[in-house]
């Protein structure tokens, strides 16, 4: 249990209170890696893509994300790095 402060991390959600208003963001543990199933692996696509679907669903499901574009750029970078998706903006 965490006590005090203006931030709390609950599951994968970061909740902050700034100027009396709640702000939400995505929380990742310090041990988080950016590795997913590589695009060139012989795994079925139904095993490769759910990690990205989950990340995008989490991003669009939280109310008023603090850094929506930064998070979207992270997801895009990880997808391109793991050669799973080629996301073009």
N, C-alpha and C. Protein backbone atom coordinates (compact mmCIF):
# COMPACT_ATOMS: atom_id res chain seq x y z
N UNK A 1 0.84 -1.17 0.00
CA UNK A 1 0.00 0.00 0.00
C UNK A 1 0.88 1.24 0.00
N UNK A 2 0.53 2.21 -0.81
CA UNK A 2 1.26 3.47 -0.85
C UNK A 2 0.47 4.53 -0.10
N UNK A 3 1.18 5.34 0.65
CA UNK A 3 0.52 6.39 1.42
C UNK A 3 1.12 7.73 1.04
N UNK A 4 0.25 8.72 0.84
CA UNK A 4 0.72 10.08 0.57
C UNK A 4 1.08 10.31 -0.87
N UNK A 5 1.38 11.55 -1.17
CA UNK A 5 1.79 11.92 -2.52
C UNK A 5 0.60 12.25 -3.39
N UNK A 6 0.91 12.74 -4.57
CA UNK A 6 -0.13 13.15 -5.51
C UNK A 6 -0.34 12.12 -6.61
N UNK A 7 0.41 11.02 -6.59
CA UNK A 7 0.31 9.98 -7.61
C UNK A 7 0.06 8.64 -6.95
N UNK A 8 -0.69 7.79 -7.64
CA UNK A 8 -0.83 6.41 -7.21
C UNK A 8 -0.89 5.55 -8.46
N UNK A 9 -0.25 4.41 -8.40
CA UNK A 9 -0.26 3.46 -9.51
C UNK A 9 -1.15 2.30 -9.10
N UNK A 10 -2.17 2.04 -9.90
CA UNK A 10 -3.11 0.97 -9.63
C UNK A 10 -3.19 0.10 -10.87
N UNK A 11 -2.73 -1.15 -10.73
CA UNK A 11 -2.63 -2.06 -11.85
C UNK A 11 -1.81 -1.40 -12.95
N UNK A 12 -2.38 -1.12 -14.10
CA UNK A 12 -1.60 -0.49 -15.17
C UNK A 12 -2.01 0.97 -15.38
N UNK A 13 -2.63 1.55 -14.37
CA UNK A 13 -3.12 2.91 -14.46
C UNK A 13 -2.36 3.80 -13.49
N UNK A 14 -1.94 4.95 -13.96
CA UNK A 14 -1.28 5.95 -13.12
C UNK A 14 -2.26 7.10 -12.92
N UNK A 15 -2.62 7.35 -11.67
CA UNK A 15 -3.58 8.41 -11.36
C UNK A 15 -2.85 9.52 -10.63
N UNK A 16 -2.97 10.74 -11.12
CA UNK A 16 -2.31 11.90 -10.52
C UNK A 16 -3.35 12.95 -10.20
N UNK A 17 -3.09 13.72 -9.16
CA UNK A 17 -3.93 14.86 -8.85
C UNK A 17 -3.09 16.11 -9.05
N UNK A 18 -3.51 16.94 -10.01
CA UNK A 18 -2.81 18.17 -10.33
C UNK A 18 -3.83 19.30 -10.33
N UNK A 19 -3.58 20.30 -9.55
CA UNK A 19 -4.48 21.46 -9.44
C UNK A 19 -5.91 21.04 -9.11
N UNK A 20 -6.03 20.01 -8.29
CA UNK A 20 -7.35 19.56 -7.87
C UNK A 20 -8.09 18.71 -8.88
N UNK A 21 -7.44 18.33 -9.98
CA UNK A 21 -8.08 17.52 -11.03
C UNK A 21 -7.33 16.21 -11.18
N UNK A 22 -8.07 15.15 -11.48
CA UNK A 22 -7.47 13.84 -11.73
C UNK A 22 -6.92 13.79 -13.15
N UNK A 23 -5.74 13.19 -13.28
CA UNK A 23 -5.16 12.94 -14.60
C UNK A 23 -4.78 11.47 -14.63
N UNK A 24 -4.92 10.86 -15.79
CA UNK A 24 -4.66 9.44 -15.93
C UNK A 24 -3.56 9.19 -16.95
N UNK A 25 -2.82 8.14 -16.73
CA UNK A 25 -1.76 7.74 -17.65
C UNK A 25 -1.54 6.25 -17.53
N UNK A 26 -0.65 5.72 -18.34
CA UNK A 26 -0.31 4.31 -18.33
C UNK A 26 0.89 4.10 -17.41
N UNK A 27 0.78 3.13 -16.52
CA UNK A 27 1.89 2.80 -15.62
C UNK A 27 2.52 1.50 -16.06
N UNK A 28 3.83 1.49 -16.11
CA UNK A 28 4.60 0.27 -16.37
C UNK A 28 5.64 0.13 -15.27
N UNK A 29 5.82 -1.08 -14.82
CA UNK A 29 6.83 -1.34 -13.79
C UNK A 29 8.22 -1.06 -14.36
N UNK A 30 9.18 -0.74 -13.50
CA UNK A 30 10.55 -0.49 -13.98
C UNK A 30 11.15 -1.70 -14.68
N UNK A 31 10.63 -2.89 -14.42
CA UNK A 31 11.17 -4.10 -15.04
C UNK A 31 10.54 -4.39 -16.40
N UNK A 32 9.64 -3.51 -16.87
CA UNK A 32 8.97 -3.71 -18.16
C UNK A 32 10.00 -3.74 -19.28
N UNK A 33 9.83 -4.71 -20.18
CA UNK A 33 10.67 -4.75 -21.37
C UNK A 33 9.80 -4.43 -22.57
N UNK A 34 10.42 -4.02 -23.64
CA UNK A 34 9.67 -3.68 -24.84
C UNK A 34 9.71 -4.82 -25.86
N UNK A 35 9.86 -6.04 -25.36
CA UNK A 35 9.98 -7.19 -26.23
C UNK A 35 8.64 -7.90 -26.37
N UNK A 36 8.26 -8.17 -27.60
CA UNK A 36 7.09 -9.00 -27.89
C UNK A 36 7.54 -10.07 -28.88
N UNK A 37 6.62 -10.90 -29.31
CA UNK A 37 6.98 -11.93 -30.28
C UNK A 37 7.42 -11.24 -31.57
N UNK A 38 8.60 -11.58 -32.03
CA UNK A 38 9.18 -10.94 -33.21
C UNK A 38 8.36 -11.27 -34.45
N UNK A 39 8.27 -10.31 -35.33
CA UNK A 39 7.48 -10.46 -36.55
C UNK A 39 7.96 -11.59 -37.46
N UNK A 40 9.26 -11.91 -37.40
CA UNK A 40 9.78 -12.96 -38.27
C UNK A 40 9.66 -14.35 -37.65
N UNK A 41 9.14 -14.42 -36.44
CA UNK A 41 9.00 -15.73 -35.80
C UNK A 41 7.91 -16.52 -36.51
N UNK A 42 7.97 -17.83 -36.36
CA UNK A 42 7.01 -18.69 -37.04
C UNK A 42 5.72 -18.82 -36.24
N UNK A 43 5.51 -17.96 -35.27
CA UNK A 43 4.28 -17.98 -34.48
C UNK A 43 3.11 -17.52 -35.32
N UNK A 44 1.96 -18.03 -34.99
CA UNK A 44 0.74 -17.63 -35.69
C UNK A 44 0.44 -16.17 -35.37
N UNK A 45 -0.07 -15.40 -36.34
CA UNK A 45 -0.39 -13.99 -36.08
C UNK A 45 -1.32 -13.77 -34.89
N UNK A 46 -2.17 -14.75 -34.59
CA UNK A 46 -3.07 -14.59 -33.45
C UNK A 46 -2.30 -14.60 -32.13
N UNK A 47 -1.03 -14.96 -32.16
CA UNK A 47 -0.18 -14.90 -30.96
C UNK A 47 0.69 -13.65 -30.97
N UNK A 48 0.96 -13.09 -32.14
CA UNK A 48 1.85 -11.93 -32.26
C UNK A 48 1.14 -10.61 -31.95
N UNK A 49 -0.11 -10.47 -32.38
CA UNK A 49 -0.77 -9.18 -32.34
C UNK A 49 -1.51 -8.81 -31.06
N UNK A 50 -1.94 -9.75 -30.24
CA UNK A 50 -2.73 -9.36 -29.06
C UNK A 50 -2.04 -8.39 -28.10
N UNK A 51 -0.73 -8.44 -27.99
CA UNK A 51 -0.03 -7.50 -27.10
C UNK A 51 -0.28 -6.06 -27.56
N UNK A 52 -0.22 -5.83 -28.85
CA UNK A 52 -0.44 -4.48 -29.38
C UNK A 52 -1.91 -4.08 -29.30
N UNK A 53 -2.80 -5.02 -29.57
CA UNK A 53 -4.23 -4.74 -29.45
C UNK A 53 -4.55 -4.34 -28.01
N UNK A 54 -3.95 -5.05 -27.06
CA UNK A 54 -4.18 -4.74 -25.65
C UNK A 54 -3.65 -3.36 -25.28
N UNK A 55 -2.44 -3.02 -25.76
CA UNK A 55 -1.85 -1.71 -25.46
C UNK A 55 -2.71 -0.58 -26.02
N UNK A 56 -3.19 -0.75 -27.24
CA UNK A 56 -4.01 0.29 -27.87
C UNK A 56 -5.37 0.39 -27.19
N UNK A 57 -5.96 -0.76 -26.86
CA UNK A 57 -7.25 -0.75 -26.17
C UNK A 57 -7.13 -0.06 -24.81
N UNK A 58 -6.06 -0.35 -24.08
CA UNK A 58 -5.84 0.28 -22.78
C UNK A 58 -5.69 1.80 -22.96
N UNK A 59 -4.97 2.22 -23.97
CA UNK A 59 -4.75 3.64 -24.21
C UNK A 59 -6.05 4.38 -24.51
N UNK A 60 -6.89 3.82 -25.35
CA UNK A 60 -8.12 4.51 -25.72
C UNK A 60 -9.22 4.34 -24.67
N UNK A 61 -9.05 3.42 -23.73
CA UNK A 61 -10.07 3.18 -22.71
C UNK A 61 -9.95 4.07 -21.48
N UNK A 62 -8.76 4.59 -21.21
CA UNK A 62 -8.62 5.42 -20.02
C UNK A 62 -9.10 6.83 -20.32
N UNK A 63 -9.72 7.48 -19.34
CA UNK A 63 -10.22 8.84 -19.58
C UNK A 63 -9.08 9.86 -19.60
N UNK A 64 -9.08 10.72 -20.56
CA UNK A 64 -8.13 11.83 -20.66
C UNK A 64 -6.68 11.42 -20.36
N UNK A 65 -6.10 10.59 -21.20
CA UNK A 65 -4.70 10.21 -20.95
C UNK A 65 -3.79 11.43 -20.99
N UNK A 66 -2.84 11.48 -20.07
CA UNK A 66 -1.92 12.62 -19.96
C UNK A 66 -1.11 12.79 -21.24
N UNK A 67 -0.52 11.73 -21.69
CA UNK A 67 0.40 11.81 -22.82
C UNK A 67 -0.02 10.82 -23.90
N UNK A 68 -1.18 11.04 -24.50
CA UNK A 68 -1.74 10.12 -25.50
C UNK A 68 -0.76 9.91 -26.65
N UNK A 69 -0.25 11.00 -27.22
CA UNK A 69 0.65 10.88 -28.38
C UNK A 69 1.97 10.22 -28.02
N UNK A 70 2.49 10.50 -26.82
CA UNK A 70 3.74 9.85 -26.40
C UNK A 70 3.54 8.34 -26.28
N UNK A 71 2.41 7.94 -25.70
CA UNK A 71 2.12 6.51 -25.55
C UNK A 71 1.92 5.86 -26.91
N UNK A 72 1.23 6.52 -27.80
CA UNK A 72 1.03 5.99 -29.15
C UNK A 72 2.37 5.85 -29.88
N UNK A 73 3.27 6.80 -29.68
CA UNK A 73 4.61 6.71 -30.28
C UNK A 73 5.39 5.53 -29.70
N UNK A 74 5.26 5.29 -28.39
CA UNK A 74 5.93 4.13 -27.78
C UNK A 74 5.43 2.83 -28.39
N UNK A 75 4.13 2.69 -28.50
CA UNK A 75 3.55 1.47 -29.08
C UNK A 75 4.04 1.29 -30.51
N UNK A 76 4.04 2.37 -31.27
CA UNK A 76 4.51 2.33 -32.66
C UNK A 76 5.98 1.93 -32.73
N UNK A 77 6.79 2.50 -31.85
CA UNK A 77 8.23 2.18 -31.82
C UNK A 77 8.45 0.70 -31.51
N UNK A 78 7.73 0.18 -30.51
CA UNK A 78 7.87 -1.23 -30.14
C UNK A 78 7.43 -2.14 -31.28
N UNK A 79 6.34 -1.78 -31.94
CA UNK A 79 5.85 -2.60 -33.06
C UNK A 79 6.86 -2.61 -34.19
N UNK A 80 7.42 -1.46 -34.51
CA UNK A 80 8.42 -1.38 -35.59
C UNK A 80 9.71 -2.09 -35.20
N UNK A 81 10.12 -1.95 -33.93
CA UNK A 81 11.35 -2.57 -33.47
C UNK A 81 11.25 -4.10 -33.50
N UNK A 82 10.09 -4.62 -33.16
CA UNK A 82 9.89 -6.07 -33.15
C UNK A 82 9.40 -6.60 -34.50
N UNK A 83 9.33 -5.73 -35.50
CA UNK A 83 8.92 -6.09 -36.85
C UNK A 83 7.57 -6.81 -36.86
N UNK A 84 6.68 -6.37 -35.97
CA UNK A 84 5.37 -6.98 -35.91
C UNK A 84 4.40 -6.22 -36.78
N UNK A 85 4.35 -4.92 -36.61
CA UNK A 85 3.52 -4.05 -37.43
C UNK A 85 4.41 -2.99 -37.99
N UNK A 86 4.07 -2.49 -39.15
CA UNK A 86 4.73 -1.31 -39.67
C UNK A 86 3.71 -0.18 -39.58
N UNK A 87 3.80 0.60 -38.53
CA UNK A 87 2.83 1.68 -38.31
C UNK A 87 3.37 2.94 -38.94
N UNK A 88 2.58 3.48 -39.84
CA UNK A 88 2.97 4.73 -40.50
C UNK A 88 2.01 5.81 -40.07
N UNK A 89 2.53 6.98 -39.81
CA UNK A 89 1.70 8.10 -39.36
C UNK A 89 1.72 9.19 -40.39
